[in-house]
Amino acid sequence: MNHMPVDVIATFNVQGKIKPNFIRLEDENHALETYKIENIVFSREENYAGIPVMLFCCNIMQSGCLQTIHIKFHIKTHQWVIEMDGRKEVTAPSA
């Protein structure tokens, strides 16, 4: 499974809990598309090769279909990545 860096807009509540709201994905033509995160199915803390991350399983609306994506927030570096498993549905459609 590959991990690709992505742009995410997130909010934090007063307890410091993070909630991703939007994600930006690049299509085959290298154009950026922004998607609203419709809902968060689950989130949990994990250690990925000893690195603390927050994993979010989210749904986005893409081409009229609800798509499930997995994004990780690296707690120490504050970076977001999307888990890519070779399926086309997690990339933005071409124009």
Protein backbone atom coordinates (compact mmCIF):
# COMPACT_ATOMS: atom_id res chain seq x y z
CA MET A 1 0.00 0.00 0.00
CA ASN A 2 1.37 3.40 -1.01
CA HIS A 3 1.00 6.70 0.81
CA MET A 4 0.72 9.96 -1.12
CA PRO A 5 0.93 13.41 0.53
CA VAL A 6 -2.31 15.42 0.24
CA ASP A 7 -3.67 18.81 1.24
CA VAL A 8 -6.34 18.68 3.95
CA ILE A 9 -8.36 21.42 5.64
CA ALA A 10 -9.14 20.39 9.21
CA THR A 11 -10.58 21.90 12.37
CA PHE A 12 -9.72 21.32 16.01
CA ASN A 13 -12.15 21.44 18.94
CA VAL A 14 -11.36 22.92 22.36
CA GLN A 15 -10.06 19.53 23.57
CA GLY A 16 -7.62 19.42 20.63
CA LYS A 17 -9.44 16.70 18.65
CA ILE A 18 -8.82 16.99 14.91
CA LYS A 19 -11.53 16.69 12.23
CA PRO A 20 -10.68 16.69 8.51
CA ASN A 21 -13.22 18.73 6.50
CA PHE A 22 -11.87 18.92 2.93
CA ILE A 23 -9.24 17.07 0.90
CA ARG A 24 -7.51 18.07 -2.32
CA LEU A 25 -6.63 15.32 -4.82
CA GLU A 26 -4.68 15.50 -8.07
CA ASP A 27 -6.07 13.93 -11.25
CA GLU A 28 -4.17 12.31 -14.13
CA ASN A 29 -3.69 15.76 -15.75
CA HIS A 30 -2.19 17.13 -12.50
CA ALA A 31 -5.20 19.36 -11.89
CA LEU A 32 -6.25 19.74 -8.25
CA GLU A 33 -9.81 18.91 -7.19
CA THR A 34 -11.19 19.73 -3.72
CA TYR A 35 -13.69 17.38 -2.08
CA LYS A 36 -15.80 17.87 1.03
CA ILE A 37 -15.47 15.06 3.54
CA GLU A 38 -19.10 14.00 3.89
CA ASN A 39 -18.59 11.99 7.08
CA ILE A 40 -15.96 10.23 9.13
CA VAL A 41 -16.69 6.51 9.43
CA PHE A 42 -14.08 6.04 12.15
CA SER A 43 -10.83 7.47 13.45
CA ARG A 44 -8.17 5.93 15.65
CA GLU A 45 -4.62 6.46 16.82
CA GLU A 46 -2.03 4.10 15.35
CA ASN A 47 1.72 3.62 15.25
CA TYR A 48 2.90 3.27 11.67
CA ALA A 49 6.44 1.86 11.79
CA GLY A 50 6.80 3.46 15.23
CA ILE A 51 5.46 6.82 14.03
CA PRO A 52 2.30 8.06 15.81
CA VAL A 53 -0.54 8.85 13.38
CA MET A 54 -4.28 9.46 13.45
CA LEU A 55 -6.07 7.30 10.87
CA PHE A 56 -9.36 8.58 9.44
CA CYS A 57 -11.73 6.50 7.32
CA CYS A 58 -13.83 9.08 5.46
CA ASN A 59 -16.44 9.33 2.73
CA ILE A 60 -16.22 11.86 -0.10
CA MET A 61 -18.64 12.48 -2.97
CA GLN A 62 -16.82 11.90 -6.26
CA SER A 63 -18.53 11.87 -9.67
CA GLY A 64 -21.89 11.45 -7.95
CA CYS A 65 -20.76 8.39 -5.97
CA LEU A 66 -19.82 8.12 -2.31
CA GLN A 67 -16.18 6.97 -2.07
CA THR A 68 -14.37 5.72 1.02
CA ILE A 69 -10.82 6.97 1.58
CA HIS A 70 -8.25 6.46 4.33
CA ILE A 71 -6.12 9.43 5.33
CA LYS A 72 -3.45 9.64 8.00
CA PHE A 73 -2.32 12.64 10.01
CA HIS A 74 1.29 12.34 11.17
CA ILE A 75 1.16 13.82 14.66
CA LYS A 76 4.83 14.83 14.99
CA THR A 77 5.28 16.35 11.51
CA HIS A 78 1.67 17.58 11.00
CA GLN A 79 1.56 16.00 7.52
CA TRP A 80 -1.39 14.33 5.81
CA VAL A 81 -1.16 11.31 3.50
CA ILE A 82 -3.77 9.24 1.70
CA GLU A 83 -3.52 5.46 1.52
CA MET A 84 -3.41 4.41 -2.12
CA ASP A 85 -4.06 0.78 -3.01
CA GLY A 86 -4.10 1.12 -6.80
CA ARG A 87 -7.85 1.74 -7.14
CA LYS A 88 -8.80 4.61 -9.46
CA GLU A 89 -11.72 5.80 -7.33
CA VAL A 90 -9.49 7.63 -4.86
CA THR A 91 -8.08 9.90 -7.57
CA ALA A 92 -9.92 12.86 -9.01
CA PRO A 93 -11.69 12.28 -12.35
CA SER A 94 -10.14 13.81 -15.45
CA ALA A 95 -11.94 16.68 -17.19
